Amino acid sequence: MREMQNLAVTTRAGLGKGANRKLRAEDMVPGIYYDATGANIPVMVEHLPLQKLYAKTSSAHVFHLNIKGEAGQDVKPALVWKLEHHPTKPRITHVDFYGVDLEKPIRVHIPVEVTGKAKGQVKGGVLELHRETIEVASLPLSIPDKVVIDITPLDVNESVQVADLQLPEGVSAVYDDNYAILAIVMPEAEAAAPGA
């Protein structure tokens, strides 16, 4: 089991554009904490710790959200659900946190990492990556960091389908129709040359 990260937030009373502008001027990011029970708590968080946490967890890993308010402090397992960025500056302008139940599966997108050099690449084929992430369902603490696909055995015109993936126990890919994640194909110019 991976060690969970921590992020401290504080409840906020001021809502609306004016209050949010003041927070951003103080290097704070306004946000909302939501959960499955319907709770929505307005919060504020320091920009730099949020940025560092998101770099480690993105939207796929659960962390401890320490919510400090008038009634004291409450620790909730949460995900970063949505981030809004400034259109021209490298700043987060708003964040949504989603509280999760550690005993119930959730769906998240995790990155695909390709390793090896395919047999088909040695013959002149090229790798076409159709999906950079896949959606998986898993208990929150069992979510893998990434899906690693070794393409070494692939020949030209062969692909890896989502149904072919070997995922850790308790983790399943979510899809309605089987689809190709990647394929080894001949470049179009070379494929068209024999018929010219």
N, C-alpha and C. Protein backbone atom coordinates (compact mmCIF):
# COMPACT_ATOMS: atom_id res chain seq x y z
N MET A 1 0.84 -1.19 0.00
CA MET A 1 0.00 0.00 0.00
C MET A 1 0.88 1.24 0.00
N ARG A 2 0.56 2.18 -0.88
CA ARG A 2 1.34 3.40 -1.03
C ARG A 2 1.07 4.34 0.14
N GLU A 3 2.09 5.11 0.51
CA GLU A 3 1.91 6.11 1.57
C GLU A 3 1.11 7.27 1.02
N MET A 4 0.08 7.65 1.75
CA MET A 4 -0.79 8.73 1.28
C MET A 4 -0.18 10.09 1.58
N GLN A 5 -0.30 11.00 0.63
CA GLN A 5 0.16 12.38 0.78
C GLN A 5 -0.86 13.13 1.66
N ASN A 6 -0.46 14.29 2.15
CA ASN A 6 -1.34 15.14 2.96
C ASN A 6 -1.42 16.53 2.36
N LEU A 7 -2.60 17.14 2.47
CA LEU A 7 -2.77 18.52 2.04
C LEU A 7 -3.66 19.21 3.05
N ALA A 8 -3.19 20.36 3.57
CA ALA A 8 -3.97 21.13 4.55
C ALA A 8 -4.77 22.20 3.84
N VAL A 9 -6.06 22.26 4.15
CA VAL A 9 -6.93 23.31 3.63
C VAL A 9 -7.69 23.91 4.80
N THR A 10 -8.24 25.10 4.58
CA THR A 10 -9.02 25.79 5.60
C THR A 10 -10.38 26.13 5.01
N THR A 11 -11.42 26.00 5.81
CA THR A 11 -12.74 26.40 5.31
C THR A 11 -12.74 27.91 5.10
N ARG A 12 -13.58 28.36 4.18
CA ARG A 12 -13.66 29.81 3.90
C ARG A 12 -15.11 30.25 3.94
N ALA A 13 -15.30 31.51 4.36
CA ALA A 13 -16.65 32.06 4.44
C ALA A 13 -16.97 32.90 3.21
N GLY A 14 -15.98 33.64 2.71
CA GLY A 14 -16.21 34.53 1.57
C GLY A 14 -16.39 33.76 0.28
N LEU A 15 -17.51 34.00 -0.40
CA LEU A 15 -17.78 33.35 -1.68
C LEU A 15 -17.93 34.41 -2.76
N GLY A 16 -17.80 34.02 -4.00
CA GLY A 16 -17.97 34.95 -5.11
C GLY A 16 -16.66 35.45 -5.67
N LYS A 17 -16.75 36.19 -6.77
CA LYS A 17 -15.56 36.65 -7.50
C LYS A 17 -14.66 37.55 -6.67
N GLY A 18 -15.24 38.51 -5.95
CA GLY A 18 -14.44 39.44 -5.17
C GLY A 18 -13.63 38.74 -4.10
N ALA A 19 -14.28 37.85 -3.35
CA ALA A 19 -13.59 37.11 -2.29
C ALA A 19 -12.52 36.20 -2.88
N ASN A 20 -12.82 35.58 -4.02
CA ASN A 20 -11.84 34.69 -4.65
C ASN A 20 -10.64 35.46 -5.18
N ARG A 21 -10.86 36.67 -5.71
CA ARG A 21 -9.74 37.49 -6.18
C ARG A 21 -8.80 37.83 -5.02
N LYS A 22 -9.38 38.17 -3.87
CA LYS A 22 -8.56 38.50 -2.69
C LYS A 22 -7.73 37.29 -2.26
N LEU A 23 -8.35 36.10 -2.29
CA LEU A 23 -7.60 34.88 -1.93
C LEU A 23 -6.42 34.67 -2.87
N ARG A 24 -6.69 34.80 -4.17
CA ARG A 24 -5.62 34.58 -5.16
C ARG A 24 -4.49 35.59 -4.99
N ALA A 25 -4.83 36.82 -4.63
CA ALA A 25 -3.81 37.86 -4.39
C ALA A 25 -2.93 37.48 -3.20
N GLU A 26 -3.45 36.68 -2.28
CA GLU A 26 -2.68 36.22 -1.11
C GLU A 26 -2.05 34.86 -1.35
N ASP A 27 -1.97 34.44 -2.63
CA ASP A 27 -1.37 33.15 -3.03
C ASP A 27 -2.16 31.95 -2.50
N MET A 28 -3.46 32.14 -2.37
CA MET A 28 -4.36 31.06 -1.96
C MET A 28 -5.24 30.67 -3.16
N VAL A 29 -5.67 29.42 -3.17
CA VAL A 29 -6.53 28.93 -4.24
C VAL A 29 -7.88 28.58 -3.62
N PRO A 30 -8.98 29.17 -4.12
CA PRO A 30 -10.29 28.79 -3.63
C PRO A 30 -10.68 27.41 -4.17
N GLY A 31 -11.46 26.69 -3.40
CA GLY A 31 -11.89 25.37 -3.85
C GLY A 31 -13.13 24.92 -3.11
N ILE A 32 -13.61 23.75 -3.51
CA ILE A 32 -14.77 23.13 -2.88
C ILE A 32 -14.44 21.67 -2.62
N TYR A 33 -14.84 21.18 -1.46
CA TYR A 33 -14.74 19.75 -1.15
C TYR A 33 -16.14 19.16 -1.30
N TYR A 34 -16.26 18.13 -2.14
CA TYR A 34 -17.53 17.43 -2.34
C TYR A 34 -17.36 15.99 -1.88
N ASP A 35 -18.47 15.35 -1.50
CA ASP A 35 -18.40 13.90 -1.28
C ASP A 35 -19.71 13.26 -1.71
N ALA A 36 -19.77 11.94 -1.64
CA ALA A 36 -20.93 11.19 -2.13
C ALA A 36 -22.18 11.43 -1.30
N THR A 37 -22.02 11.95 -0.09
CA THR A 37 -23.19 12.19 0.77
C THR A 37 -23.87 13.52 0.45
N GLY A 38 -23.26 14.31 -0.45
CA GLY A 38 -23.84 15.59 -0.81
C GLY A 38 -23.22 16.78 -0.11
N ALA A 39 -22.21 16.54 0.70
CA ALA A 39 -21.53 17.65 1.39
C ALA A 39 -20.76 18.48 0.37
N ASN A 40 -20.81 19.78 0.52
CA ASN A 40 -19.93 20.65 -0.25
C ASN A 40 -19.45 21.76 0.66
N ILE A 41 -18.14 21.76 0.89
CA ILE A 41 -17.53 22.66 1.86
C ILE A 41 -16.59 23.60 1.10
N PRO A 42 -16.84 24.91 1.11
CA PRO A 42 -15.90 25.85 0.49
C PRO A 42 -14.59 25.87 1.29
N VAL A 43 -13.47 25.74 0.60
CA VAL A 43 -12.16 25.70 1.26
C VAL A 43 -11.19 26.62 0.51
N MET A 44 -10.06 26.85 1.14
CA MET A 44 -8.95 27.56 0.50
C MET A 44 -7.66 26.83 0.84
N VAL A 45 -6.72 26.86 -0.10
CA VAL A 45 -5.47 26.12 0.06
C VAL A 45 -4.33 26.95 -0.52
N GLU A 46 -3.15 26.82 0.07
CA GLU A 46 -1.98 27.53 -0.45
C GLU A 46 -1.63 26.97 -1.82
N HIS A 47 -1.22 27.86 -2.72
CA HIS A 47 -0.96 27.47 -4.12
C HIS A 47 0.17 26.45 -4.25
N LEU A 48 1.33 26.72 -3.65
CA LEU A 48 2.50 25.86 -3.84
C LEU A 48 2.28 24.43 -3.32
N PRO A 49 1.77 24.22 -2.10
CA PRO A 49 1.51 22.85 -1.66
C PRO A 49 0.52 22.12 -2.57
N LEU A 50 -0.49 22.83 -3.07
CA LEU A 50 -1.45 22.21 -3.98
C LEU A 50 -0.77 21.79 -5.27
N GLN A 51 0.06 22.67 -5.80
CA GLN A 51 0.79 22.37 -7.04
C GLN A 51 1.70 21.15 -6.86
N LYS A 52 2.41 21.07 -5.74
CA LYS A 52 3.30 19.94 -5.47
C LYS A 52 2.51 18.65 -5.29
N LEU A 53 1.39 18.72 -4.58
CA LEU A 53 0.57 17.53 -4.39
C LEU A 53 0.04 17.03 -5.72
N TYR A 54 -0.46 17.93 -6.56
CA TYR A 54 -1.03 17.52 -7.85
C TYR A 54 0.04 16.90 -8.74
N ALA A 55 1.27 17.38 -8.66
CA ALA A 55 2.36 16.80 -9.45
C ALA A 55 2.59 15.34 -9.05
N LYS A 56 2.35 15.00 -7.78
CA LYS A 56 2.55 13.63 -7.29
C LYS A 56 1.33 12.74 -7.48
N THR A 57 0.13 13.31 -7.33
CA THR A 57 -1.07 12.48 -7.32
C THR A 57 -1.91 12.60 -8.58
N SER A 58 -1.81 13.70 -9.30
CA SER A 58 -2.70 14.09 -10.39
C SER A 58 -4.14 13.85 -9.93
N SER A 59 -4.99 13.32 -10.80
CA SER A 59 -6.38 13.08 -10.39
C SER A 59 -6.63 11.61 -10.15
N ALA A 60 -5.55 10.83 -9.99
CA ALA A 60 -5.71 9.38 -9.91
C ALA A 60 -5.40 8.80 -8.54
N HIS A 61 -4.81 9.57 -7.64
CA HIS A 61 -4.40 8.99 -6.36
C HIS A 61 -5.02 9.72 -5.18
N VAL A 62 -5.40 8.93 -4.21
CA VAL A 62 -6.05 9.44 -3.00
C VAL A 62 -5.01 10.01 -2.04
N PHE A 63 -5.39 11.07 -1.36
CA PHE A 63 -4.52 11.68 -0.35
C PHE A 63 -5.38 12.09 0.83
N HIS A 64 -4.74 12.44 1.94
CA HIS A 64 -5.46 12.93 3.13
C HIS A 64 -5.68 14.43 2.98
N LEU A 65 -6.94 14.84 2.99
CA LEU A 65 -7.27 16.26 2.96
C LEU A 65 -7.58 16.67 4.40
N ASN A 66 -6.71 17.50 4.97
CA ASN A 66 -6.89 17.97 6.35
C ASN A 66 -7.68 19.28 6.30
N ILE A 67 -8.96 19.19 6.65
CA ILE A 67 -9.84 20.36 6.59
C ILE A 67 -9.91 21.01 7.97
N LYS A 68 -9.37 22.23 8.06
CA LYS A 68 -9.39 22.96 9.32
C LYS A 68 -10.51 23.98 9.27
N GLY A 69 -11.39 23.93 10.25
CA GLY A 69 -12.51 24.86 10.29
C GLY A 69 -12.80 25.32 11.70
N GLU A 70 -13.92 26.01 11.88
CA GLU A 70 -14.30 26.52 13.20
C GLU A 70 -14.55 25.38 14.19
N ALA A 71 -15.04 24.25 13.69
CA ALA A 71 -15.36 23.12 14.57
C ALA A 71 -14.14 22.24 14.85
N GLY A 72 -12.98 22.62 14.34
CA GLY A 72 -11.78 21.81 14.55
C GLY A 72 -11.23 21.31 13.23
N GLN A 73 -10.53 20.18 13.30
CA GLN A 73 -9.89 19.64 12.11
C GLN A 73 -10.48 18.28 11.78
N ASP A 74 -10.68 18.03 10.49
CA ASP A 74 -11.24 16.77 10.01
C ASP A 74 -10.35 16.28 8.88
N VAL A 75 -10.01 15.00 8.89
CA VAL A 75 -9.17 14.42 7.84
C VAL A 75 -10.04 13.52 6.97
N LYS A 76 -10.03 13.77 5.65
CA LYS A 76 -10.86 13.02 4.72
C LYS A 76 -9.99 12.47 3.59
N PRO A 77 -10.21 11.21 3.18
CA PRO A 77 -9.53 10.73 1.98
C PRO A 77 -10.17 11.40 0.76
N ALA A 78 -9.35 11.93 -0.15
CA ALA A 78 -9.89 12.71 -1.26
C ALA A 78 -9.04 12.56 -2.51
N LEU A 79 -9.62 12.97 -3.63
CA LEU A 79 -8.95 13.09 -4.92
C LEU A 79 -9.04 14.53 -5.37
N VAL A 80 -8.07 14.97 -6.19
CA VAL A 80 -8.24 16.24 -6.89
C VAL A 80 -9.15 15.91 -8.06
N TRP A 81 -10.36 16.46 -8.04
CA TRP A 81 -11.35 16.12 -9.07
C TRP A 81 -11.21 16.99 -10.30
N LYS A 82 -10.99 18.30 -10.06
CA LYS A 82 -10.91 19.22 -11.19
C LYS A 82 -10.06 20.42 -10.80
N LEU A 83 -9.19 20.83 -11.72
CA LEU A 83 -8.39 22.04 -11.54
C LEU A 83 -8.72 23.02 -12.64
N GLU A 84 -8.76 24.31 -12.29
CA GLU A 84 -8.88 25.35 -13.30
C GLU A 84 -7.60 26.16 -13.26
N HIS A 85 -7.07 26.47 -14.46
CA HIS A 85 -5.82 27.22 -14.56
C HIS A 85 -6.08 28.60 -15.14
N HIS A 86 -5.20 29.53 -14.78
CA HIS A 86 -5.23 30.87 -15.36
C HIS A 86 -4.91 30.73 -16.84
N PRO A 87 -5.58 31.50 -17.73
CA PRO A 87 -5.34 31.32 -19.16
C PRO A 87 -3.94 31.70 -19.64
N THR A 88 -3.25 32.58 -18.94
CA THR A 88 -1.92 33.00 -19.43
C THR A 88 -0.80 32.82 -18.41
N LYS A 89 -1.12 32.58 -17.15
CA LYS A 89 -0.09 32.44 -16.12
C LYS A 89 -0.08 31.00 -15.61
N PRO A 90 1.07 30.55 -15.12
CA PRO A 90 1.13 29.17 -14.58
C PRO A 90 0.54 29.10 -13.17
N ARG A 91 -0.76 29.39 -13.07
CA ARG A 91 -1.41 29.44 -11.77
C ARG A 91 -2.68 28.61 -11.78
N ILE A 92 -2.92 27.95 -10.66
CA ILE A 92 -4.19 27.26 -10.46
C ILE A 92 -5.15 28.29 -9.89
N THR A 93 -6.34 28.42 -10.49
CA THR A 93 -7.29 29.45 -10.03
C THR A 93 -8.43 28.87 -9.20
N HIS A 94 -8.69 27.54 -9.33
CA HIS A 94 -9.76 26.92 -8.55
C HIS A 94 -9.51 25.41 -8.52
N VAL A 95 -9.95 24.78 -7.44
CA VAL A 95 -9.77 23.33 -7.31
C VAL A 95 -11.03 22.71 -6.72
N ASP A 96 -11.39 21.54 -7.23
CA ASP A 96 -12.47 20.75 -6.65
C ASP A 96 -11.87 19.47 -6.09
N PHE A 97 -12.16 19.19 -4.82
CA PHE A 97 -11.74 17.94 -4.19
C PHE A 97 -12.95 17.02 -4.08
N TYR A 98 -12.73 15.74 -4.23
CA TYR A 98 -13.83 14.79 -4.10
C TYR A 98 -13.49 13.77 -3.02
N GLY A 99 -14.31 13.69 -2.00
CA GLY A 99 -14.11 12.73 -0.92
C GLY A 99 -14.49 11.33 -1.37
N VAL A 100 -13.65 10.35 -1.06
CA VAL A 100 -13.90 8.98 -1.48
C VAL A 100 -14.08 8.06 -0.28
N ASP A 101 -14.80 6.98 -0.51
CA ASP A 101 -14.94 5.91 0.48
C ASP A 101 -13.87 4.88 0.15
N LEU A 102 -12.96 4.63 1.07
CA LEU A 102 -11.84 3.72 0.80
C LEU A 102 -12.28 2.28 0.59
N GLU A 103 -13.53 1.97 0.92
CA GLU A 103 -14.04 0.60 0.76
C GLU A 103 -14.82 0.40 -0.53
N LYS A 104 -15.00 1.45 -1.32
CA LYS A 104 -15.78 1.35 -2.56
C LYS A 104 -14.90 1.66 -3.76
N PRO A 105 -15.04 0.87 -4.85
CA PRO A 105 -14.25 1.14 -6.05
C PRO A 105 -14.59 2.49 -6.67
N ILE A 106 -13.57 3.10 -7.28
CA ILE A 106 -13.76 4.35 -8.01
C ILE A 106 -13.17 4.18 -9.40
N ARG A 107 -13.54 5.08 -10.30
CA ARG A 107 -13.00 5.07 -11.67
C ARG A 107 -12.09 6.27 -11.84
N VAL A 108 -10.88 6.02 -12.36
CA VAL A 108 -9.93 7.09 -12.63
C VAL A 108 -9.17 6.77 -13.91
N HIS A 109 -8.56 7.79 -14.50
CA HIS A 109 -7.71 7.60 -15.67
C HIS A 109 -6.25 7.55 -15.22
N ILE A 110 -5.52 6.55 -15.71
CA ILE A 110 -4.10 6.43 -15.38
C ILE A 110 -3.30 6.41 -16.68
N PRO A 111 -2.04 6.89 -16.64
CA PRO A 111 -1.25 6.97 -17.87
C PRO A 111 -0.76 5.61 -18.36
N VAL A 112 -0.53 5.55 -19.67
CA VAL A 112 0.04 4.38 -20.33
C VAL A 112 1.52 4.67 -20.58
N GLU A 113 2.40 3.72 -20.20
CA GLU A 113 3.83 3.86 -20.47
C GLU A 113 4.26 2.72 -21.37
N VAL A 114 4.95 3.04 -22.45
CA VAL A 114 5.39 2.03 -23.42
C VAL A 114 6.87 1.76 -23.19
N THR A 115 7.23 0.45 -23.15
CA THR A 115 8.64 0.08 -23.00
C THR A 115 9.02 -0.89 -24.13
N GLY A 116 10.31 -0.98 -24.40
CA GLY A 116 10.83 -1.91 -25.39
C GLY A 116 10.79 -1.36 -26.80
N LYS A 117 11.36 -2.15 -27.72
CA LYS A 117 11.35 -1.81 -29.15
C LYS A 117 10.71 -2.99 -29.86
N ALA A 118 9.63 -2.74 -30.57
CA ALA A 118 8.87 -3.81 -31.21
C ALA A 118 9.63 -4.42 -32.38
N LYS A 119 9.36 -5.72 -32.62
CA LYS A 119 9.93 -6.39 -33.80
C LYS A 119 9.55 -5.62 -35.06
N GLY A 120 8.31 -5.15 -35.10
CA GLY A 120 7.83 -4.39 -36.26
C GLY A 120 8.57 -3.08 -36.47
N GLN A 121 9.07 -2.46 -35.40
CA GLN A 121 9.85 -1.23 -35.54
C GLN A 121 11.19 -1.51 -36.19
N VAL A 122 11.78 -2.66 -35.88
CA VAL A 122 13.05 -3.05 -36.48
C VAL A 122 12.87 -3.23 -37.99
N LYS A 123 11.68 -3.65 -38.42
CA LYS A 123 11.37 -3.87 -39.84
C LYS A 123 10.92 -2.58 -40.53
N GLY A 124 10.95 -1.46 -39.83
CA GLY A 124 10.57 -0.19 -40.44
C GLY A 124 9.22 0.34 -40.00
N GLY A 125 8.51 -0.38 -39.16
CA GLY A 125 7.21 0.08 -38.68
C GLY A 125 7.36 1.18 -37.65
N VAL A 126 6.27 1.89 -37.41
CA VAL A 126 6.28 2.95 -36.41
C VAL A 126 5.19 2.68 -35.37
N LEU A 127 5.42 3.18 -34.19
CA LEU A 127 4.46 3.03 -33.10
C LEU A 127 3.41 4.12 -33.20
N GLU A 128 2.15 3.72 -33.20
CA GLU A 128 1.04 4.67 -33.12
C GLU A 128 0.39 4.48 -31.76
N LEU A 129 0.44 5.51 -30.93
CA LEU A 129 -0.18 5.46 -29.61
C LEU A 129 -1.56 6.09 -29.71
N HIS A 130 -2.61 5.27 -29.57
CA HIS A 130 -3.97 5.76 -29.71
C HIS A 130 -4.52 6.34 -28.41
N ARG A 131 -4.05 5.85 -27.28
CA ARG A 131 -4.53 6.33 -25.98
C ARG A 131 -3.33 6.58 -25.07
N GLU A 132 -3.29 7.74 -24.45
CA GLU A 132 -2.23 8.05 -23.49
C GLU A 132 -2.63 7.69 -22.08
N THR A 133 -3.95 7.52 -21.86
CA THR A 133 -4.45 7.09 -20.56
C THR A 133 -5.54 6.05 -20.79
N ILE A 134 -5.80 5.24 -19.75
CA ILE A 134 -6.95 4.34 -19.79
C ILE A 134 -7.73 4.53 -18.49
N GLU A 135 -9.01 4.24 -18.56
CA GLU A 135 -9.84 4.34 -17.37
C GLU A 135 -9.86 2.99 -16.67
N VAL A 136 -9.63 3.01 -15.35
CA VAL A 136 -9.65 1.78 -14.56
C VAL A 136 -10.60 1.95 -13.38
N ALA A 137 -11.06 0.81 -12.88
CA ALA A 137 -11.89 0.79 -11.67
C ALA A 137 -11.12 0.00 -10.62
N SER A 138 -11.08 0.54 -9.40
CA SER A 138 -10.30 -0.09 -8.34
C SER A 138 -10.67 0.55 -7.01
N LEU A 139 -10.34 -0.16 -5.93
CA LEU A 139 -10.42 0.48 -4.61
C LEU A 139 -9.42 1.64 -4.62
N PRO A 140 -9.72 2.75 -3.97
CA PRO A 140 -8.86 3.93 -4.04
C PRO A 140 -7.39 3.70 -3.72
N LEU A 141 -7.09 2.84 -2.76
CA LEU A 141 -5.68 2.65 -2.38
C LEU A 141 -4.96 1.62 -3.24
N SER A 142 -5.68 0.99 -4.18
CA SER A 142 -5.07 -0.02 -5.06
C SER A 142 -4.81 0.51 -6.46
N ILE A 143 -5.06 1.78 -6.71
CA ILE A 143 -4.89 2.34 -8.05
C ILE A 143 -3.41 2.34 -8.42
N PRO A 144 -3.05 1.72 -9.56
CA PRO A 144 -1.64 1.74 -9.97
C PRO A 144 -1.23 3.13 -10.47
N ASP A 145 0.08 3.42 -10.44
CA ASP A 145 0.58 4.70 -10.92
C ASP A 145 0.42 4.82 -12.42
N LYS A 146 0.58 3.69 -13.12
CA LYS A 146 0.53 3.69 -14.58
C LYS A 146 0.33 2.26 -15.07
N VAL A 147 0.05 2.13 -16.36
CA VAL A 147 -0.01 0.83 -17.02
C VAL A 147 1.21 0.75 -17.92
N VAL A 148 2.05 -0.26 -17.72
CA VAL A 148 3.26 -0.43 -18.52
C VAL A 148 2.99 -1.50 -19.58
N ILE A 149 3.23 -1.15 -20.84
CA ILE A 149 3.02 -2.08 -21.95
C ILE A 149 4.36 -2.32 -22.63
N ASP A 150 4.82 -3.58 -22.61
CA ASP A 150 6.06 -3.97 -23.30
C ASP A 150 5.68 -4.32 -24.73
N ILE A 151 6.20 -3.56 -25.71
CA ILE A 151 5.83 -3.77 -27.10
C ILE A 151 6.82 -4.66 -27.85
N THR A 152 7.83 -5.20 -27.18
CA THR A 152 8.88 -5.98 -27.83
C THR A 152 8.34 -7.08 -28.75
N PRO A 153 7.33 -7.87 -28.36
CA PRO A 153 6.89 -8.95 -29.26
C PRO A 153 6.01 -8.51 -30.43
N LEU A 154 5.63 -7.25 -30.52
CA LEU A 154 4.71 -6.81 -31.57
C LEU A 154 5.39 -6.70 -32.93
N ASP A 155 4.70 -7.23 -33.96
CA ASP A 155 5.17 -7.14 -35.34
C ASP A 155 4.36 -6.06 -36.05
N VAL A 156 4.67 -5.80 -37.30
CA VAL A 156 3.93 -4.82 -38.09
C VAL A 156 2.47 -5.26 -38.18
N ASN A 157 1.57 -4.29 -38.10
CA ASN A 157 0.12 -4.49 -38.16
C ASN A 157 -0.43 -5.28 -36.96
N GLU A 158 0.28 -5.25 -35.85
CA GLU A 158 -0.23 -5.84 -34.62
C GLU A 158 -0.49 -4.71 -33.63
N SER A 159 -1.44 -4.96 -32.72
CA SER A 159 -1.82 -3.93 -31.76
C SER A 159 -2.01 -4.54 -30.38
N VAL A 160 -2.12 -3.68 -29.39
CA VAL A 160 -2.46 -4.09 -28.03
C VAL A 160 -3.84 -3.53 -27.75
N GLN A 161 -4.77 -4.42 -27.43
CA GLN A 161 -6.15 -4.03 -27.12
C GLN A 161 -6.29 -3.85 -25.61
N VAL A 162 -7.25 -3.04 -25.20
CA VAL A 162 -7.47 -2.81 -23.78
C VAL A 162 -7.81 -4.13 -23.07
N ALA A 163 -8.51 -5.04 -23.76
CA ALA A 163 -8.87 -6.33 -23.15
C ALA A 163 -7.65 -7.21 -22.91
N ASP A 164 -6.52 -6.94 -23.60
CA ASP A 164 -5.31 -7.75 -23.47
C ASP A 164 -4.44 -7.34 -22.28
N LEU A 165 -4.74 -6.22 -21.65
CA LEU A 165 -3.88 -5.69 -20.59
C LEU A 165 -3.85 -6.61 -19.38
N GLN A 166 -2.66 -6.76 -18.81
CA GLN A 166 -2.47 -7.49 -17.56
C GLN A 166 -2.41 -6.44 -16.45
N LEU A 167 -3.50 -6.32 -15.71
CA LEU A 167 -3.57 -5.32 -14.64
C LEU A 167 -3.43 -5.99 -13.29
N PRO A 168 -3.00 -5.25 -12.27
CA PRO A 168 -2.87 -5.84 -10.93
C PRO A 168 -4.21 -6.39 -10.43
N GLU A 169 -4.12 -7.30 -9.48
CA GLU A 169 -5.32 -7.88 -8.90
C GLU A 169 -6.20 -6.78 -8.29
N GLY A 170 -7.50 -6.86 -8.55
CA GLY A 170 -8.43 -5.88 -8.02
C GLY A 170 -8.59 -4.64 -8.88
N VAL A 171 -7.85 -4.57 -9.99
CA VAL A 171 -7.93 -3.42 -10.89
C VAL A 171 -8.45 -3.91 -12.23
N SER A 172 -9.46 -3.24 -12.77
CA SER A 172 -10.00 -3.64 -14.07
C SER A 172 -10.13 -2.43 -14.98
N ALA A 173 -9.91 -2.66 -16.27
CA ALA A 173 -10.08 -1.60 -17.26
C ALA A 173 -11.58 -1.39 -17.49
N VAL A 174 -11.96 -0.14 -17.69
CA VAL A 174 -13.36 0.20 -17.91
C VAL A 174 -13.53 0.54 -19.39
N TYR A 175 -14.39 -0.22 -20.09
CA TYR A 175 -14.66 0.05 -21.50
C TYR A 175 -15.95 -0.65 -21.91
N ASP A 176 -16.64 -0.06 -22.88
CA ASP A 176 -17.83 -0.68 -23.44
C ASP A 176 -17.45 -1.58 -24.61
N ASP A 177 -16.61 -1.05 -25.50
CA ASP A 177 -16.13 -1.81 -26.66
C ASP A 177 -14.62 -1.91 -26.57
N ASN A 178 -14.09 -3.09 -26.86
CA ASN A 178 -12.65 -3.29 -26.87
C ASN A 178 -12.03 -2.31 -27.87
N TYR A 179 -10.90 -1.70 -27.52
CA TYR A 179 -10.26 -0.75 -28.42
C TYR A 179 -8.74 -0.93 -28.36
N ALA A 180 -8.06 -0.47 -29.43
CA ALA A 180 -6.60 -0.55 -29.50
C ALA A 180 -6.01 0.62 -28.73
N ILE A 181 -5.04 0.30 -27.88
CA ILE A 181 -4.31 1.34 -27.15
C ILE A 181 -3.15 1.83 -27.99
N LEU A 182 -2.51 0.89 -28.67
CA LEU A 182 -1.38 1.23 -29.54
C LEU A 182 -1.28 0.19 -30.64
N ALA A 183 -0.53 0.52 -31.70
CA ALA A 183 -0.31 -0.41 -32.81
C ALA A 183 1.03 -0.12 -33.45
N ILE A 184 1.58 -1.13 -34.12
CA ILE A 184 2.79 -0.98 -34.93
C ILE A 184 2.32 -1.01 -36.38
N VAL A 185 2.56 0.07 -37.12
CA VAL A 185 2.10 0.17 -38.50
C VAL A 185 3.25 0.61 -39.40
N MET A 186 3.11 0.32 -40.69
CA MET A 186 4.10 0.82 -41.66
C MET A 186 3.78 2.28 -41.95
N PRO A 187 4.80 3.11 -42.13
CA PRO A 187 4.54 4.50 -42.50
C PRO A 187 3.75 4.55 -43.81
N GLU A 188 2.87 5.53 -43.96
CA GLU A 188 2.00 5.61 -45.13
C GLU A 188 2.75 5.65 -46.44
N ALA A 189 3.85 6.40 -46.52
CA ALA A 189 4.60 6.51 -47.77
C ALA A 189 5.14 5.15 -48.19
N GLU A 190 5.67 4.37 -47.23
CA GLU A 190 6.21 3.06 -47.56
C GLU A 190 5.11 2.08 -47.88
N ALA A 191 3.99 2.17 -47.17
CA ALA A 191 2.88 1.26 -47.42
C ALA A 191 2.28 1.50 -48.80
N ALA A 192 2.30 2.74 -49.30
CA ALA A 192 1.72 3.07 -50.59
C ALA A 192 2.68 2.78 -51.75
N ALA A 193 3.99 2.69 -51.49
CA ALA A 193 4.99 2.53 -52.54
C ALA A 193 4.81 1.26 -53.40
N PRO A 194 4.55 0.07 -52.84
CA PRO A 194 4.44 -1.11 -53.67
C PRO A 194 3.32 -1.02 -54.70
N GLY A 195 2.25 -0.34 -54.42
CA GLY A 195 1.11 -0.25 -55.33
C GLY A 195 1.25 0.87 -56.35
N ALA A 196 2.33 1.67 -56.26
CA ALA A 196 2.48 2.83 -57.15
C ALA A 196 2.95 2.43 -58.52
